[in-house]
């Protein structure tokens, strides 16, 4: 997993070289988000506190990293057997496209790679497993002023491991430009 995340970061760094060359005249816009995400996969609704740190390298392209920690688990029933599932933590890196539609509103598209760890309890036995995913989604950001705003996203996590069901993730959070 660490090798795959390192490879994803390296690939995004190489892809960003032409953009950085274009953006030499101005420094990148650094931003952060702090919020909550709700994830739904095969009947299980889990929740997490989420943080992002990103750099808007041009008005239309940036990169961001995302970390989240689970705060809400759910019970699921499969074949008459009840278990509890929780997302313990998740990490991902993204390439982000921005489409400014007004001075205060940006539409956002992003594609990235992540890893999520889950904890499942079945008949008193706890099992932890992690799954790598290709993630993509859309969102919007509304800026109240030059520094503060709110961001809403939808992200699809397509897990590469057969044990994990793909997830739909909706997030809302506070956005801050540094």
C-alpha atoms as a PDB file:
ATOM      1  CA  UNK A   1       0.000   0.000   0.000  1.00  0.00           C
ATOM      2  CA  UNK A   2       2.799   2.442   0.879  1.00  0.00           C
ATOM      3  CA  UNK A   3       4.530   1.655  -2.421  1.00  0.00           C
ATOM      4  CA  UNK A   4       1.306   2.306  -4.355  1.00  0.00           C
ATOM      5  CA  UNK A   5       0.659   5.599  -2.537  1.00  0.00           C
ATOM      6  CA  UNK A   6       4.277   6.674  -3.166  1.00  0.00           C
ATOM      7  CA  UNK A   7       3.926   5.770  -6.845  1.00  0.00           C
ATOM      8  CA  UNK A   8       0.694   7.765  -7.075  1.00  0.00           C
ATOM      9  CA  UNK A   9       2.342  10.818  -5.477  1.00  0.00           C
ATOM     10  CA  UNK A  10       5.326  10.484  -7.832  1.00  0.00           C
ATOM     11  CA  UNK A  11       3.061  10.191 -10.877  1.00  0.00           C
ATOM     12  CA  UNK A  12       1.075  13.265  -9.849  1.00  0.00           C
ATOM     13  CA  UNK A  13       4.342  15.163  -9.278  1.00  0.00           C
ATOM     14  CA  UNK A  14       5.553  14.316 -12.779  1.00  0.00           C
ATOM     15  CA  UNK A  15       2.175  15.295 -14.248  1.00  0.00           C
ATOM     16  CA  UNK A  16       2.357  18.619 -12.415  1.00  0.00           C
ATOM     17  CA  UNK A  17       5.755  19.643 -13.896  1.00  0.00           C
ATOM     18  CA  UNK A  18       4.279  21.316 -17.022  1.00  0.00           C
ATOM     19  CA  UNK A  19       1.704  23.074 -14.877  1.00  0.00           C
ATOM     20  CA  UNK A  20       4.389  24.299 -12.482  1.00  0.00           C
ATOM     21  CA  UNK A  21       6.453  25.594 -15.394  1.00  0.00           C
ATOM     22  CA  UNK A  22       3.408  27.560 -16.558  1.00  0.00           C
ATOM     23  CA  UNK A  23       2.779  28.891 -13.046  1.00  0.00           C
ATOM     24  CA  UNK A  24       6.331  30.223 -12.460  1.00  0.00           C
ATOM     25  CA  UNK A  25       5.204  33.830 -12.259  1.00  0.00           C
ATOM     26  CA  UNK A  26       2.889  33.262  -9.288  1.00  0.00           C
ATOM     27  CA  UNK A  27       3.020  31.094  -6.201  1.00  0.00           C
ATOM     28  CA  UNK A  28       0.445  28.338  -5.713  1.00  0.00           C
ATOM     29  CA  UNK A  29      -2.690  29.019  -3.683  1.00  0.00           C
ATOM     30  CA  UNK A  30      -2.579  26.760  -0.606  1.00  0.00           C
ATOM     31  CA  UNK A  31      -5.929  25.682   0.869  1.00  0.00           C
ATOM     32  CA  UNK A  32      -7.364  23.363   3.469  1.00  0.00           C
ATOM     33  CA  UNK A  33     -10.747  21.790   4.190  1.00  0.00           C
ATOM     34  CA  UNK A  34     -12.125  20.341   7.399  1.00  0.00           C
ATOM     35  CA  UNK A  35     -15.455  18.558   7.379  1.00  0.00           C
ATOM     36  CA  UNK A  36     -17.527  15.407   7.574  1.00  0.00           C
ATOM     37  CA  UNK A  37     -18.124  12.671   5.020  1.00  0.00           C
ATOM     38  CA  UNK A  38     -20.836  10.063   4.818  1.00  0.00           C
ATOM     39  CA  UNK A  39     -20.029   6.860   2.958  1.00  0.00           C
ATOM     40  CA  UNK A  40     -22.540   4.299   1.649  1.00  0.00           C
ATOM     41  CA  UNK A  41     -21.516   0.860   0.403  1.00  0.00           C
ATOM     42  CA  UNK A  42     -23.875  -2.145   0.116  1.00  0.00           C
ATOM     43  CA  UNK A  43     -26.262  -0.948   2.804  1.00  0.00           C
ATOM     44  CA  UNK A  44     -23.649   0.232   5.291  1.00  0.00           C
ATOM     45  CA  UNK A  45     -23.634   3.940   6.150  1.00  0.00           C
ATOM     46  CA  UNK A  46     -20.445   5.072   7.854  1.00  0.00           C
ATOM     47  CA  UNK A  47     -19.116   8.522   8.675  1.00  0.00           C
ATOM     48  CA  UNK A  48     -15.738  10.168   9.126  1.00  0.00           C
ATOM     49  CA  UNK A  49     -14.110  13.466   9.996  1.00  0.00           C
ATOM     50  CA  UNK A  50     -12.115  14.547   6.961  1.00  0.00           C
ATOM     51  CA  UNK A  51      -9.212  16.919   6.369  1.00  0.00           C
ATOM     52  CA  UNK A  52      -7.691  18.037   3.079  1.00  0.00           C
ATOM     53  CA  UNK A  53      -4.632  20.073   2.191  1.00  0.00           C
ATOM     54  CA  UNK A  54      -4.149  21.226  -1.371  1.00  0.00           C
ATOM     55  CA  UNK A  55      -2.326  23.535  -3.737  1.00  0.00           C
ATOM     56  CA  UNK A  56      -4.112  25.306  -6.575  1.00  0.00           C
ATOM     57  CA  UNK A  57      -1.231  25.552  -9.040  1.00  0.00           C
ATOM     58  CA  UNK A  58      -3.126  27.438 -11.752  1.00  0.00           C
ATOM     59  CA  UNK A  59      -6.666  28.847 -11.847  1.00  0.00           C
ATOM     60  CA  UNK A  60      -7.781  25.494 -13.304  1.00  0.00           C
ATOM     61  CA  UNK A  61      -5.519  22.758 -11.847  1.00  0.00           C
ATOM     62  CA  UNK A  62      -4.302  21.667  -8.425  1.00  0.00           C
ATOM     63  CA  UNK A  63      -3.344  18.692  -6.269  1.00  0.00           C
ATOM     64  CA  UNK A  64      -4.628  17.694  -2.838  1.00  0.00           C
ATOM     65  CA  UNK A  65      -4.169  15.114  -0.142  1.00  0.00           C
ATOM     66  CA  UNK A  66      -6.997  13.825   2.013  1.00  0.00           C
ATOM     67  CA  UNK A  67      -7.071  12.055   5.393  1.00  0.00           C
ATOM     68  CA  UNK A  68     -10.130  10.910   7.314  1.00  0.00           C
ATOM     69  CA  UNK A  69     -10.872   9.059  10.518  1.00  0.00           C
ATOM     70  CA  UNK A  70     -14.038   7.077  11.164  1.00  0.00           C
ATOM     71  CA  UNK A  71     -16.551   8.341  13.734  1.00  0.00           C
ATOM     72  CA  UNK A  72     -19.743   6.440  12.804  1.00  0.00           C
ATOM     73  CA  UNK A  73     -20.165   2.704  12.253  1.00  0.00           C
ATOM     74  CA  UNK A  74     -23.208   0.774  10.999  1.00  0.00           C
ATOM     75  CA  UNK A  75     -24.771  -2.661  11.348  1.00  0.00           C
ATOM     76  CA  UNK A  76     -25.333  -4.735   8.230  1.00  0.00           C
ATOM     77  CA  UNK A  77     -27.208  -7.976   7.662  1.00  0.00           C
ATOM     78  CA  UNK A  78     -26.017 -10.494   5.086  1.00  0.00           C
ATOM     79  CA  UNK A  79     -27.652 -13.876   4.717  1.00  0.00           C
ATOM     80  CA  UNK A  80     -29.289 -13.448   8.124  1.00  0.00           C
ATOM     81  CA  UNK A  81     -25.971 -12.698   9.877  1.00  0.00           C
ATOM     82  CA  UNK A  82     -25.571  -9.292  11.534  1.00  0.00           C
ATOM     83  CA  UNK A  83     -22.192  -7.575  11.720  1.00  0.00           C
ATOM     84  CA  UNK A  84     -20.865  -4.114  12.501  1.00  0.00           C
ATOM     85  CA  UNK A  85     -18.589  -2.257  10.070  1.00  0.00           C
ATOM     86  CA  UNK A  86     -16.551   0.905  10.566  1.00  0.00           C
ATOM     87  CA  UNK A  87     -14.125   2.868   8.420  1.00  0.00           C
ATOM     88  CA  UNK A  88     -11.159   3.391  10.755  1.00  0.00           C
ATOM     89  CA  UNK A  89      -9.180   5.700   8.464  1.00  0.00           C
ATOM     90  CA  UNK A  90      -8.603   6.642   4.846  1.00  0.00           C
ATOM     91  CA  UNK A  91      -5.873   8.448   2.872  1.00  0.00           C
ATOM     92  CA  UNK A  92      -5.894   9.608  -0.753  1.00  0.00           C
ATOM     93  CA  UNK A  93      -4.140  11.901  -3.239  1.00  0.00           C
ATOM     94  CA  UNK A  94      -5.943  13.710  -6.068  1.00  0.00           C
ATOM     95  CA  UNK A  95      -5.448  15.781  -9.171  1.00  0.00           C
ATOM     96  CA  UNK A  96      -8.090  18.521  -9.044  1.00  0.00           C
ATOM     97  CA  UNK A  97      -9.666  20.569 -11.828  1.00  0.00           C
ATOM     98  CA  UNK A  98     -11.341  23.898 -11.029  1.00  0.00           C
ATOM     99  CA  UNK A  99     -13.936  25.671 -13.163  1.00  0.00           C
ATOM    100  CA  UNK A 100     -14.629  29.195 -11.860  1.00  0.00           C
ATOM    101  CA  UNK A 101     -18.271  30.053 -12.681  1.00  0.00           C
ATOM    102  CA  UNK A 102     -18.358  33.312 -10.692  1.00  0.00           C
ATOM    103  CA  UNK A 103     -15.942  35.177  -8.414  1.00  0.00           C
ATOM    104  CA  UNK A 104     -17.331  33.214  -5.436  1.00  0.00           C
ATOM    105  CA  UNK A 105     -18.173  29.790  -6.958  1.00  0.00           C
ATOM    106  CA  UNK A 106     -15.875  27.081  -8.322  1.00  0.00           C
ATOM    107  CA  UNK A 107     -17.006  23.761  -9.735  1.00  0.00           C
ATOM    108  CA  UNK A 108     -14.541  20.988  -8.907  1.00  0.00           C
ATOM    109  CA  UNK A 109     -13.649  17.670 -10.531  1.00  0.00           C
ATOM    110  CA  UNK A 110     -11.051  15.309  -9.089  1.00  0.00           C
ATOM    111  CA  UNK A 111      -9.415  11.960  -9.760  1.00  0.00           C
ATOM    112  CA  UNK A 112      -7.124  10.128  -7.390  1.00  0.00           C
ATOM    113  CA  UNK A 113      -5.937   7.017  -5.628  1.00  0.00           C
ATOM    114  CA  UNK A 114      -6.578   6.035  -2.026  1.00  0.00           C
ATOM    115  CA  UNK A 115      -6.465   3.424   0.685  1.00  0.00           C
ATOM    116  CA  UNK A 116      -9.138   2.809   3.315  1.00  0.00           C
ATOM    117  CA  UNK A 117      -8.989   0.603   6.401  1.00  0.00           C
ATOM    118  CA  UNK A 118     -12.150  -1.039   7.745  1.00  0.00           C
ATOM    119  CA  UNK A 119     -12.973  -2.806  10.996  1.00  0.00           C
ATOM    120  CA  UNK A 120     -15.707  -5.435  11.006  1.00  0.00           C
ATOM    121  CA  UNK A 121     -17.141  -7.219  14.051  1.00  0.00           C
ATOM    122  CA  UNK A 122     -18.941 -10.501  13.473  1.00  0.00           C
ATOM    123  CA  UNK A 123     -20.058 -12.772  16.332  1.00  0.00           C
ATOM    124  CA  UNK A 124     -17.695 -10.983  18.728  1.00  0.00           C
ATOM    125  CA  UNK A 125     -14.667 -11.426  16.435  1.00  0.00           C
ATOM    126  CA  UNK A 126     -13.006  -8.261  15.145  1.00  0.00           C
ATOM    127  CA  UNK A 127     -11.354  -8.249  11.718  1.00  0.00           C
ATOM    128  CA  UNK A 128      -9.428  -5.329  10.163  1.00  0.00           C
ATOM    129  CA  UNK A 129      -8.769  -5.102   6.448  1.00  0.00           C
ATOM    130  CA  UNK A 130      -7.741  -2.399   4.035  1.00  0.00           C
ATOM    131  CA  UNK A 131      -8.551  -1.785   0.386  1.00  0.00           C
ATOM    132  CA  UNK A 132      -6.984   0.365  -2.334  1.00  0.00           C
ATOM    133  CA  UNK A 133      -9.304   2.403  -4.532  1.00  0.00           C
ATOM    134  CA  UNK A 134      -9.448   4.580  -7.603  1.00  0.00           C
ATOM    135  CA  UNK A 135     -11.487   7.645  -6.636  1.00  0.00           C
ATOM    136  CA  UNK A 136     -13.242  10.230  -8.795  1.00  0.00           C
ATOM    137  CA  UNK A 137     -15.862  12.851  -8.168  1.00  0.00           C
ATOM    138  CA  UNK A 138     -17.329  16.312  -8.545  1.00  0.00           C
ATOM    139  CA  UNK A 139     -18.153  19.147  -6.208  1.00  0.00           C
ATOM    140  CA  UNK A 140     -18.548  22.861  -5.714  1.00  0.00           C
ATOM    141  CA  UNK A 141     -17.037  25.475  -3.491  1.00  0.00           C
ATOM    142  CA  UNK A 142     -18.664  28.732  -2.413  1.00  0.00           C
ATOM    143  CA  UNK A 143     -16.372  31.462  -1.040  1.00  0.00           C
ATOM    144  CA  UNK A 144     -17.868  33.818   1.570  1.00  0.00           C
ATOM    145  CA  UNK A 145     -14.869  36.146   1.234  1.00  0.00           C
ATOM    146  CA  UNK A 146     -11.262  35.982  -0.010  1.00  0.00           C
ATOM    147  CA  UNK A 147     -10.238  33.346   2.588  1.00  0.00           C
ATOM    148  CA  UNK A 148     -13.293  31.411   3.846  1.00  0.00           C
ATOM    149  CA  UNK A 149     -15.935  29.228   2.253  1.00  0.00           C
ATOM    150  CA  UNK A 150     -17.793  25.937   2.169  1.00  0.00           C
ATOM    151  CA  UNK A 151     -17.167  22.922  -0.066  1.00  0.00           C
ATOM    152  CA  UNK A 152     -19.501  20.052  -0.998  1.00  0.00           C
ATOM    153  CA  UNK A 153     -18.296  16.931  -2.858  1.00  0.00           C
ATOM    154  CA  UNK A 154     -19.474  13.601  -4.211  1.00  0.00           C
ATOM    155  CA  UNK A 155     -16.747  10.963  -4.641  1.00  0.00           C
ATOM    156  CA  UNK A 156     -16.991   7.410  -5.971  1.00  0.00           C
ATOM    157  CA  UNK A 157     -14.484   4.968  -4.470  1.00  0.00           C
ATOM    158  CA  UNK A 158     -13.926   1.960  -6.735  1.00  0.00           C
ATOM    159  CA  UNK A 159     -12.116  -0.555  -4.572  1.00  0.00           C
ATOM    160  CA  UNK A 160      -9.647  -2.835  -6.297  1.00  0.00           C
ATOM    161  CA  UNK A 161     -10.104  -5.641  -3.762  1.00  0.00           C
ATOM    162  CA  UNK A 162     -13.075  -7.965  -4.193  1.00  0.00           C
ATOM    163  CA  UNK A 163     -13.770  -8.013  -0.432  1.00  0.00           C
ATOM    164  CA  UNK A 164     -14.756  -4.330  -0.337  1.00  0.00           C
ATOM    165  CA  UNK A 165     -17.871  -2.964  -2.035  1.00  0.00           C
ATOM    166  CA  UNK A 166     -17.554   0.286  -4.001  1.00  0.00           C
ATOM    167  CA  UNK A 167     -18.654   3.341  -2.022  1.00  0.00           C
ATOM    168  CA  UNK A 168     -20.477   6.597  -2.665  1.00  0.00           C
ATOM    169  CA  UNK A 169     -19.081   9.347  -0.446  1.00  0.00           C
ATOM    170  CA  UNK A 170     -20.707  12.740   0.162  1.00  0.00           C
ATOM    171  CA  UNK A 171     -18.750  15.350   2.081  1.00  0.00           C
ATOM    172  CA  UNK A 172     -19.343  18.882   3.321  1.00  0.00           C
ATOM    173  CA  UNK A 173     -16.767  21.067   4.994  1.00  0.00           C
ATOM    174  CA  UNK A 174     -15.264  24.405   5.821  1.00  0.00           C
ATOM    175  CA  UNK A 175     -12.774  25.674   3.205  1.00  0.00           C
ATOM    176  CA  UNK A 176      -9.892  28.017   4.038  1.00  0.00           C
ATOM    177  CA  UNK A 177      -7.332  29.641   1.725  1.00  0.00           C
ATOM    178  CA  UNK A 178      -3.974  30.299   3.434  1.00  0.00           C
END
